[in-house]
Each structure stands twice: as structure tokens, then as C-alpha cells.
Amino acid sequence: IRGRAAAQLDKLDPGHRRFENPHIYPVGLSPHLNTLRDGMIAEARASMDNGNGAG
């Protein structure tokens, strides 16, 4: 597992791998995952508004 992970990391551009001033690695959400995330946020906000927030 360690060897495969190292091989995959080696495929990344060095600008993305460095710890100081790394380049931004663009990512995105699928429409389905975005909808799921928005629903979870709405549920959490509604729970907090009703005084049922956990934490």
C-alpha cells in the first residue's frame, strides 16, 4: 500500500506536492454530491434553529 501511495504522489506536479507555497489543486463536486451537501447543511441549520443542535 505504501509503495502504491508513493507512486501516486510522484504523479502529482511538484508545485502541488510542496508544503511551502503550494499551487492550488483544483477540485470540484459532482451535482449529486453538491445537492447532498446542501441538504445536510440545511438540516443542520434547521436543527440549530430549533434548539436541537448537537454540541
Protein backbone atom coordinates (compact mmCIF):
# COMPACT_ATOMS: atom_id res chain seq x y z
CA ILE A 1 0.00 0.00 0.00
CA ARG A 2 2.79 2.40 0.92
CA GLY A 3 4.56 1.83 -2.40
CA ARG A 4 1.40 2.45 -4.41
CA ALA A 5 0.67 5.63 -2.45
CA ALA A 6 4.20 6.90 -3.08
CA ALA A 7 3.88 6.11 -6.78
CA GLN A 8 0.60 8.01 -6.97
CA LEU A 9 2.10 11.02 -5.16
CA ASP A 10 5.00 11.02 -7.59
CA LYS A 11 2.50 11.61 -10.40
CA LEU A 12 1.48 14.96 -8.91
CA ASP A 13 3.21 18.08 -10.14
CA PRO A 14 5.97 19.16 -7.71
CA GLY A 15 4.22 22.51 -7.34
CA HIS A 16 1.24 20.72 -5.79
CA ARG A 17 3.35 18.48 -3.55
CA ARG A 18 5.48 21.11 -1.83
CA PHE A 19 4.50 22.29 1.64
CA GLU A 20 5.65 25.89 1.30
CA ASN A 21 3.61 27.98 -1.14
CA PRO A 22 1.98 25.03 -2.92
CA HIS A 23 0.00 25.58 -6.08
CA ILE A 24 -3.76 25.31 -5.72
CA TYR A 25 -5.06 21.91 -6.83
CA PRO A 26 -8.46 22.44 -8.46
CA VAL A 27 -11.24 20.09 -7.38
CA GLY A 28 -14.99 20.06 -7.79
CA LEU A 29 -18.16 18.39 -6.59
CA SER A 30 -20.50 16.38 -8.75
CA PRO A 31 -24.02 17.83 -8.96
CA HIS A 32 -25.33 14.91 -6.87
CA LEU A 33 -22.73 15.38 -4.14
CA ASN A 34 -23.34 19.14 -4.12
CA THR A 35 -27.08 18.56 -3.64
CA LEU A 36 -26.39 16.10 -0.84
CA ARG A 37 -24.03 18.56 0.87
CA ASP A 38 -26.54 21.41 0.59
CA GLY A 39 -29.26 19.21 2.09
CA MET A 40 -27.07 18.25 5.03
CA ILE A 41 -26.22 21.90 5.67
CA ALA A 42 -29.91 22.85 5.56
CA GLU A 43 -30.78 20.06 8.02
CA ALA A 44 -28.03 21.14 10.40
CA ARG A 45 -29.13 24.77 10.27
CA ALA A 46 -32.77 23.81 10.86
CA SER A 47 -31.75 21.65 13.80
CA MET A 48 -29.74 24.52 15.29
CA ASP A 49 -32.61 26.97 14.74
CA ASN A 50 -34.93 24.63 16.66
CA GLY A 51 -32.54 24.38 19.59
CA ASN A 52 -31.72 20.77 18.80
CA GLY A 53 -28.13 21.32 17.75
CA ALA A 54 -25.69 18.67 18.87
CA GLY A 55 -22.62 20.07 20.53
